[in-house]
C-alpha cells in the first residue's frame, strides 16, 4: 500500500489504531480484502473514495498532507510500507497507522532509549538527565522523548549538543510548537543532523490533554527501554513507565533521596520492579542482546571486557522457542505452551529473534525464517 492509501485507512470512520492493527494482522489484499473485512460504515467510506475520490470526505486529508509535504524540506509521511518505518512499533497492540515526520530520518536508525521525567526537575535531576543522555548518545543511542518541559527537553538538548540523535514525539501536529518555550529545541530537532519530530496527528492539530498519554505509547514503543530520571508519585512519566511494561520493554529508574519529592515516583518504580540504574552500563547490560542488532561493531556495548557473540552465516541460536516454530504460522498462546514460558517472556524473545532475522510475524502467528536477513 502507498502513502495515500494508508492516509485514507487512518481516516476511516468507526476505526482506530487498535482495530486497524487487528485487520492488518490478517493480511487482507488491497483493496478488495479490506472492503470485505471492514465494518459497513468504514467499507462504504473506503468504497466511495476508491470510486469517486473527489466526492469523498477522506480526500481533503490526502490533499492537505501532499501540500504539506511539498511546502518544506525534510518532511515525510511514514507508514508500514515506508522503508524508514520503525518496525518496533508493529509490536504494539495499537501502533499508529501513519506518522507525520519532520527532520532527519536517520534518527530512526540504531537503538533508542526513552528518557522521561518531571517537568520541574531538581538541579541533580537535570544534571543526571544531561549526563546519561550525553553518554548514551556518544555510544550510538538515540534519545526519544516528548519535547516536554523539564527532563524531556534537558535530555534531548544534551543528545543533540553532543552530536547525537534525538526523536521528539508530539501530542499535536508536527508543525505545532508545544510547549512554546521550546521553540529553539523544536528548530533543532527539525533541522539538525540526527534530529526528528514525529506525530500521529495531521499538521495543524492543536495540543490537547487527551493526546499526551497516547503520545507516550509511541515514545516507549519506539524504544528498547525507558529510563525515568526523576518523577513525583503522580507524574505523567509513570504513565510512560506503565506503558513500557505493558509493551514488554525494559524499565529503568534512577534512585533519589527519600526527602526529594521529585524522586518519589522513581522510588515507587524501584520498589515495584524497575531496574535500578547507577550508570549507563547498568542500562547496556540489560539491553545489549537487543542493542547489538542496531549498533555497528565498533559501538557495540561491551560488558566486563567481553564482546557480544553474534551468530555467523546460517548458524541458528539454541532456543527452545525457535525450535517450537516452523514455516507455518503458530499463535503466541501455542508458543507459550510449547516452549514452557510466560507470555511476557515469549513476547520479548520473539522480538529479539525478529530483530536478529530468525522469525517473522504473519497472519495467524509467528513463523521461523529459513536464514537470517
Protein backbone atom coordinates (compact mmCIF):
# COMPACT_ATOMS: atom_id res chain seq x y z
CA UNK A 1 0.00 0.00 0.00
CA UNK A 2 1.17 3.52 -0.70
CA UNK A 3 1.09 6.65 1.45
CA UNK A 4 -2.24 7.88 0.07
CA UNK A 5 -3.91 4.57 0.87
CA UNK A 6 -2.55 4.43 4.41
CA UNK A 7 -3.73 8.02 4.95
CA UNK A 8 -7.24 7.04 3.90
CA UNK A 9 -7.21 3.94 6.13
CA UNK A 10 -6.12 6.15 9.04
CA UNK A 11 -9.07 8.49 8.42
CA UNK A 12 -11.76 5.81 8.07
CA UNK A 13 -14.77 6.25 10.39
CA UNK A 14 -15.54 3.73 13.13
CA UNK A 15 -11.94 2.57 13.16
CA UNK A 16 -8.80 3.37 15.17
CA UNK A 17 -5.21 2.15 15.59
CA UNK A 18 -6.18 -0.98 17.52
CA UNK A 19 -8.87 -2.17 15.12
CA UNK A 20 -6.70 -1.35 12.12
CA UNK A 21 -3.78 -3.30 13.62
CA UNK A 22 -6.05 -6.32 14.11
CA UNK A 23 -7.13 -6.09 10.49
CA UNK A 24 -3.56 -5.66 9.23
CA UNK A 25 -2.55 -8.84 11.09
CA UNK A 26 -4.99 -10.78 8.91
CA UNK A 27 -3.12 -9.66 5.80
CA UNK A 28 -6.04 -8.55 3.59
CA UNK A 29 -5.35 -7.73 -0.05
CA UNK A 30 -5.82 -4.13 -1.09
CA UNK A 31 -8.48 -3.01 -1.74
CA UNK A 32 -10.95 -5.91 -2.02
CA UNK A 33 -9.77 -7.71 1.09
CA UNK A 34 -10.08 -4.52 3.10
CA UNK A 35 -13.57 -3.80 1.78
CA UNK A 36 -14.67 -7.28 2.80
CA UNK A 37 -13.13 -7.08 6.29
CA UNK A 38 -14.07 -3.53 7.29
CA UNK A 39 -17.22 -2.64 9.24
CA UNK A 40 -20.01 -1.42 6.96
CA UNK A 41 -19.56 2.29 7.68
CA UNK A 42 -15.81 2.20 7.06
CA UNK A 43 -16.23 -0.02 4.00
CA UNK A 44 -18.75 2.40 2.48
CA UNK A 45 -16.39 5.34 3.08
CA UNK A 46 -13.46 3.48 1.50
CA UNK A 47 -15.52 2.39 -1.49
CA UNK A 48 -16.62 5.99 -2.13
CA UNK A 49 -13.01 7.19 -2.00
CA UNK A 50 -11.85 4.44 -4.36
CA UNK A 51 -14.59 5.14 -6.91
CA UNK A 52 -15.12 8.88 -6.54
CA UNK A 53 -12.27 10.47 -4.54
CA UNK A 54 -13.42 13.97 -5.47
CA UNK A 55 -16.70 13.33 -3.62
CA UNK A 56 -15.14 11.63 -0.59
CA UNK A 57 -14.71 13.41 2.77
CA UNK A 58 -11.46 11.44 3.10
CA UNK A 59 -9.75 13.17 0.17
CA UNK A 60 -9.05 16.51 1.94
CA UNK A 61 -6.61 14.86 4.37
CA UNK A 62 -4.78 13.36 1.38
CA UNK A 63 -4.62 16.72 -0.37
CA UNK A 64 -3.58 18.58 2.79
CA UNK A 65 -0.79 16.12 3.55
CA UNK A 66 0.52 16.23 -0.01
CA UNK A 67 0.57 20.04 0.16
CA UNK A 68 2.39 19.92 3.50
CA UNK A 69 4.99 17.51 2.15
CA UNK A 70 5.75 19.80 -0.78
CA UNK A 71 5.83 23.04 1.20
CA UNK A 72 9.09 22.48 3.09
CA UNK A 73 12.25 20.38 3.30
CA UNK A 74 12.73 17.19 5.33
CA UNK A 75 9.03 16.35 5.50
CA UNK A 76 7.85 12.76 5.30
CA UNK A 77 4.82 10.57 5.84
CA UNK A 78 5.78 7.26 7.43
CA UNK A 79 3.67 4.10 7.26
CA UNK A 80 4.21 0.33 7.49
CA UNK A 81 5.36 0.10 3.87
CA UNK A 82 7.80 3.01 4.11
CA UNK A 83 11.48 1.92 4.21
CA UNK A 84 12.14 4.07 7.29
CA UNK A 85 9.14 2.80 9.29
CA UNK A 86 10.31 1.80 12.81
CA UNK A 87 9.31 -1.85 12.95
CA UNK A 88 9.37 -1.94 16.76
CA UNK A 89 6.05 -0.07 16.61
CA UNK A 90 4.46 -3.09 14.94
CA UNK A 91 4.81 -4.92 18.26
CA UNK A 92 2.22 -2.61 19.85
CA UNK A 93 -1.44 -3.62 20.02
CA UNK A 94 -2.34 -0.15 18.72
CA UNK A 95 0.56 1.23 16.65
CA UNK A 96 -0.01 4.48 14.80
CA UNK A 97 -1.24 3.93 11.26
CA UNK A 98 0.80 6.82 9.87
CA UNK A 99 3.34 9.24 11.31
CA UNK A 100 3.97 12.74 10.02
CA UNK A 101 7.71 13.30 10.28
CA UNK A 102 9.90 16.38 10.06
CA UNK A 103 13.69 16.25 10.23
CA UNK A 104 16.40 13.67 9.68
CA UNK A 105 15.04 10.15 9.13
CA UNK A 106 18.45 8.68 10.01
CA UNK A 107 17.47 9.34 13.64
CA UNK A 108 15.26 6.24 13.31
CA UNK A 109 18.31 4.06 12.72
CA UNK A 110 20.14 2.47 15.65
CA UNK A 111 18.94 1.60 19.16
CA UNK A 112 16.69 4.00 21.03
CA UNK A 113 16.07 4.72 24.70
CA UNK A 114 13.17 6.77 26.01
CA UNK A 115 14.07 9.28 28.73
CA UNK A 116 11.23 10.85 30.69
CA UNK A 117 10.69 12.66 33.94
CA UNK A 118 9.19 15.56 35.82
CA UNK A 119 8.58 18.95 34.25
CA UNK A 120 10.13 20.58 37.33
CA UNK A 121 13.39 18.71 37.92
CA UNK A 122 15.87 19.48 40.66
CA UNK A 123 19.38 20.55 39.67
CA UNK A 124 20.52 17.00 40.42
CA UNK A 125 17.80 15.56 38.18
CA UNK A 126 18.72 17.88 35.33
CA UNK A 127 22.39 17.02 35.75
CA UNK A 128 21.64 13.31 35.68
CA UNK A 129 19.48 13.66 32.58
CA UNK A 130 22.25 15.54 30.77
CA UNK A 131 24.97 13.12 31.82
CA UNK A 132 23.06 9.97 30.85
CA UNK A 133 21.85 11.47 27.58
CA UNK A 134 25.34 12.61 26.54
CA UNK A 135 26.93 9.26 27.34
CA UNK A 136 24.22 7.25 25.60
CA UNK A 137 24.42 9.50 22.54
CA UNK A 138 28.20 9.03 22.39
CA UNK A 139 27.65 5.27 22.40
CA UNK A 140 25.33 5.42 19.41
CA UNK A 141 21.94 5.55 21.13
CA UNK A 142 19.07 7.80 20.08
CA UNK A 143 17.22 9.59 22.89
CA UNK A 144 13.43 9.54 22.49
CA UNK A 145 11.11 11.80 24.46
CA UNK A 146 8.17 14.17 24.14
CA UNK A 147 9.87 17.59 23.96
CA UNK A 148 8.10 18.49 27.22
CA UNK A 149 9.46 20.95 29.76
CA UNK A 150 11.86 19.55 32.33
CA UNK A 151 13.64 16.20 31.95
CA UNK A 152 12.38 15.57 28.39
CA UNK A 153 13.82 18.77 26.99
CA UNK A 154 17.02 18.58 29.03
CA UNK A 155 17.78 15.06 27.77
CA UNK A 156 17.03 15.90 24.14
CA UNK A 157 19.13 19.07 24.15
CA UNK A 158 22.06 17.17 25.66
CA UNK A 159 21.88 14.44 23.00
CA UNK A 160 21.88 16.96 20.15
CA UNK A 161 24.61 19.08 21.76
CA UNK A 162 26.98 16.12 21.80
CA UNK A 163 26.34 15.39 18.13
CA UNK A 164 23.96 12.52 18.85
CA UNK A 165 20.44 11.71 17.73
CA UNK A 166 17.10 12.52 19.32
CA UNK A 167 13.45 11.99 18.39
CA UNK A 168 10.55 14.00 19.82
CA UNK A 169 7.05 12.54 19.60
CA UNK A 170 4.48 15.32 19.80
CA UNK A 171 0.96 15.40 21.19
CA UNK A 172 -0.06 17.83 18.45
CA UNK A 173 0.58 18.36 14.76
CA UNK A 174 4.22 18.07 13.75
CA UNK A 175 4.13 21.73 12.68
CA UNK A 176 2.83 22.97 16.05
CA UNK A 177 5.38 24.13 18.62
CA UNK A 178 4.27 22.94 22.03
CA UNK A 179 5.30 24.00 24.56
CA UNK A 180 6.02 27.40 23.01
CA UNK A 181 9.05 27.84 25.30
CA UNK A 182 10.76 25.04 23.39
CA UNK A 183 10.80 26.83 20.04
CA UNK A 184 14.60 26.61 19.87
CA UNK A 185 14.56 22.87 20.64
CA UNK A 186 11.84 22.38 18.04
CA UNK A 187 14.00 24.13 15.44
CA UNK A 188 16.99 21.99 16.39
CA UNK A 189 15.03 18.79 16.08
CA UNK A 190 13.64 19.93 12.72
CA UNK A 191 16.93 20.94 11.14
CA UNK A 192 19.89 19.38 12.96
CA UNK A 193 21.57 16.21 11.76
CA UNK A 194 20.11 13.40 13.86
CA UNK A 195 17.03 15.36 14.99
CA UNK A 196 13.49 14.28 14.18
CA UNK A 197 9.91 15.24 15.07
CA UNK A 198 7.07 12.70 14.83
CA UNK A 199 3.31 12.91 15.30
CA UNK A 200 0.33 10.68 14.57
CA UNK A 201 -1.82 13.83 14.23
CA UNK A 202 -2.15 15.77 10.97
CA UNK A 203 -0.29 19.10 10.65
CA UNK A 204 -2.21 21.93 12.25
CA UNK A 205 -3.65 19.80 15.07
CA UNK A 206 -3.55 21.72 18.37
CA UNK A 207 -2.22 20.09 21.53
CA UNK A 208 -4.89 18.53 23.75
CA UNK A 209 -4.55 16.82 27.15
CA UNK A 210 -6.02 13.58 25.81
CA UNK A 211 -3.30 13.35 23.16
CA UNK A 212 -0.36 13.10 25.56
CA UNK A 213 -1.00 9.66 27.09
CA UNK A 214 -1.46 8.36 23.52
CA UNK A 215 1.76 10.08 22.51
CA UNK A 216 3.59 8.31 25.32
CA UNK A 217 2.86 4.85 23.87
CA UNK A 218 4.81 5.87 20.76
CA UNK A 219 7.71 7.25 22.82
CA UNK A 220 8.08 3.95 24.67
CA UNK A 221 7.12 1.85 21.65
CA UNK A 222 9.98 3.25 19.59
CA UNK A 223 12.44 2.39 22.34
CA UNK A 224 14.11 -0.74 23.64
CA UNK A 225 13.77 0.62 27.17
CA UNK A 226 12.57 3.61 29.18
CA UNK A 227 14.60 5.50 31.79
CA UNK A 228 12.66 7.54 34.35
CA UNK A 229 15.10 10.13 35.65
CA UNK A 230 13.02 12.00 38.22
CA UNK A 231 9.27 11.82 38.84
CA UNK A 232 6.73 12.59 41.53
CA UNK A 233 4.25 9.98 42.73
CA UNK A 234 1.58 11.39 40.39
CA UNK A 235 3.86 12.26 37.50
CA UNK A 236 2.73 11.68 33.93
CA UNK A 237 6.05 9.89 33.49
CA UNK A 238 4.60 6.97 35.42
CA UNK A 239 2.13 6.55 32.55
CA UNK A 240 5.13 6.04 30.27
CA UNK A 241 6.56 3.58 32.78
CA UNK A 242 3.36 1.54 32.80
CA UNK A 243 3.21 1.58 29.00
CA UNK A 244 6.80 0.37 28.74
CA UNK A 245 6.00 -2.61 30.95
CA UNK A 246 2.79 -3.38 29.07
CA UNK A 247 4.76 -3.32 25.83
CA UNK A 248 7.29 -5.80 27.21
CA UNK A 249 10.11 -3.24 27.21
CA UNK A 250 12.71 -2.74 29.93
CA UNK A 251 12.01 -0.12 32.59
CA UNK A 252 14.81 1.72 34.39
CA UNK A 253 14.73 4.31 37.16
CA UNK A 254 17.31 6.46 38.89
CA UNK A 255 17.25 6.36 42.70
CA UNK A 256 16.90 9.59 44.64
CA UNK A 257 16.79 10.98 48.12
CA UNK A 258 13.94 9.91 50.41
CA UNK A 259 13.44 13.61 51.10
CA UNK A 260 13.20 14.62 47.43
CA UNK A 261 9.53 14.88 46.42
CA UNK A 262 10.57 14.75 42.76
CA UNK A 263 12.18 11.34 43.30
CA UNK A 264 9.28 9.55 44.99
CA UNK A 265 7.86 8.26 41.73
CA UNK A 266 11.20 6.67 40.87
CA UNK A 267 11.44 5.11 44.32
CA UNK A 268 7.98 3.64 43.83
CA UNK A 269 9.01 2.19 40.47
CA UNK A 270 12.13 0.66 42.01
CA UNK A 271 10.09 -0.88 44.79
CA UNK A 272 7.71 -2.45 42.25
CA UNK A 273 10.32 -3.96 39.94
CA UNK A 274 12.04 -1.32 37.80
CA UNK A 275 15.77 -1.85 37.26
CA UNK A 276 17.90 0.42 39.44
CA UNK A 277 20.36 2.45 37.39
CA UNK A 278 23.59 3.95 38.69
CA UNK A 279 25.41 4.49 35.41
CA UNK A 280 24.95 3.91 31.68
CA UNK A 281 26.46 0.42 31.81
CA UNK A 282 23.57 -0.72 34.00
CA UNK A 283 21.26 0.03 31.06
CA UNK A 284 23.52 -1.51 28.44
CA UNK A 285 23.90 -4.73 30.42
CA UNK A 286 20.14 -5.20 30.28
CA UNK A 287 19.68 -4.19 26.65
CA UNK A 288 22.85 -5.46 24.97
CA UNK A 289 21.11 -8.50 23.43
CA UNK A 290 18.76 -6.16 21.54
CA UNK A 291 21.01 -3.15 21.03
CA UNK A 292 23.75 -5.16 19.32
CA UNK A 293 21.38 -5.67 16.39
CA UNK A 294 21.31 -1.93 15.79
CA UNK A 295 24.85 -0.83 16.62
CA UNK A 296 27.85 -1.07 14.30
CA UNK A 297 30.59 -3.35 15.67
CA UNK A 298 32.78 -0.53 16.94
CA UNK A 299 29.94 0.83 19.07
CA UNK A 300 28.57 -2.48 20.33
CA UNK A 301 28.37 -2.46 24.13
CA UNK A 302 30.99 -4.50 25.96
CA UNK A 303 30.38 -5.80 29.46
CA UNK A 304 33.31 -6.81 31.69
CA UNK A 305 35.59 -6.85 28.65
CA UNK A 306 33.59 -9.47 26.82
CA UNK A 307 32.12 -8.62 23.41
CA UNK A 308 28.68 -9.75 22.30
CA UNK A 309 28.75 -13.07 20.47
CA UNK A 310 26.98 -12.91 17.11
CA UNK A 311 25.85 -15.96 15.13
CA UNK A 312 27.67 -16.30 11.83
CA UNK A 313 26.45 -17.50 8.46
CA UNK A 314 23.40 -19.69 8.82
CA UNK A 315 24.15 -20.72 12.41
CA UNK A 316 20.98 -20.54 14.50
CA UNK A 317 20.92 -19.75 18.22
CA UNK A 318 19.99 -22.53 20.60
CA UNK A 319 16.49 -21.52 21.66
CA UNK A 320 13.56 -23.72 22.61
CA UNK A 321 11.18 -21.02 21.37
CA UNK A 322 12.82 -21.06 17.95
CA UNK A 323 12.52 -24.85 17.97
CA UNK A 324 8.76 -24.53 18.52
CA UNK A 325 8.38 -22.54 15.28
CA UNK A 326 8.12 -23.71 11.70
CA UNK A 327 7.24 -22.30 8.27
CA UNK A 328 3.54 -22.44 9.26
CA UNK A 329 2.23 -19.57 11.46
CA UNK A 330 1.98 -20.51 15.14
CA UNK A 331 -0.19 -18.40 17.51
CA UNK A 332 1.56 -16.95 20.54
CA UNK A 333 -0.59 -18.89 23.02
CA UNK A 334 0.56 -22.16 21.42
CA UNK A 335 4.18 -20.99 21.57
CA UNK A 336 3.83 -20.15 25.26
CA UNK A 337 2.55 -23.66 25.97
CA UNK A 338 5.07 -25.49 23.77
CA UNK A 339 8.11 -23.51 24.96
CA UNK A 340 7.04 -23.55 28.63
CA UNK A 341 7.48 -19.81 29.17
CA UNK A 342 5.33 -16.85 30.19
CA UNK A 343 3.55 -14.60 27.70
CA UNK A 344 5.79 -11.66 28.63
CA UNK A 345 8.97 -13.68 28.15
CA UNK A 346 7.64 -15.11 24.89
CA UNK A 347 6.92 -11.63 23.51
CA UNK A 348 10.36 -10.33 24.47
CA UNK A 349 12.19 -13.31 22.98
CA UNK A 350 10.12 -13.19 19.78
CA UNK A 351 11.02 -9.54 19.38
CA UNK A 352 14.71 -10.34 19.89
CA UNK A 353 14.56 -13.20 17.37
CA UNK A 354 12.69 -10.99 14.91
CA UNK A 355 15.29 -8.25 15.20
CA UNK A 356 18.01 -10.84 14.57
CA UNK A 357 16.22 -12.06 11.46
CA UNK A 358 15.24 -15.55 12.63
CA UNK A 359 11.45 -15.15 12.88
CA UNK A 360 8.67 -13.02 11.43
CA UNK A 361 5.07 -12.28 12.31
CA UNK A 362 2.45 -13.20 9.74
CA UNK A 363 -1.32 -13.53 9.66
CA UNK A 364 -2.15 -16.29 12.12
CA UNK A 365 1.02 -16.18 14.19
CA UNK A 366 4.81 -16.40 14.05
CA UNK A 367 6.98 -18.28 11.55
CA UNK A 368 10.61 -19.36 11.52
CA UNK A 369 12.65 -17.92 8.67
CA UNK A 370 14.98 -20.06 6.62
CA UNK A 371 18.04 -17.94 7.33
CA UNK A 372 18.95 -14.59 8.94
CA UNK A 373 18.40 -11.47 6.84
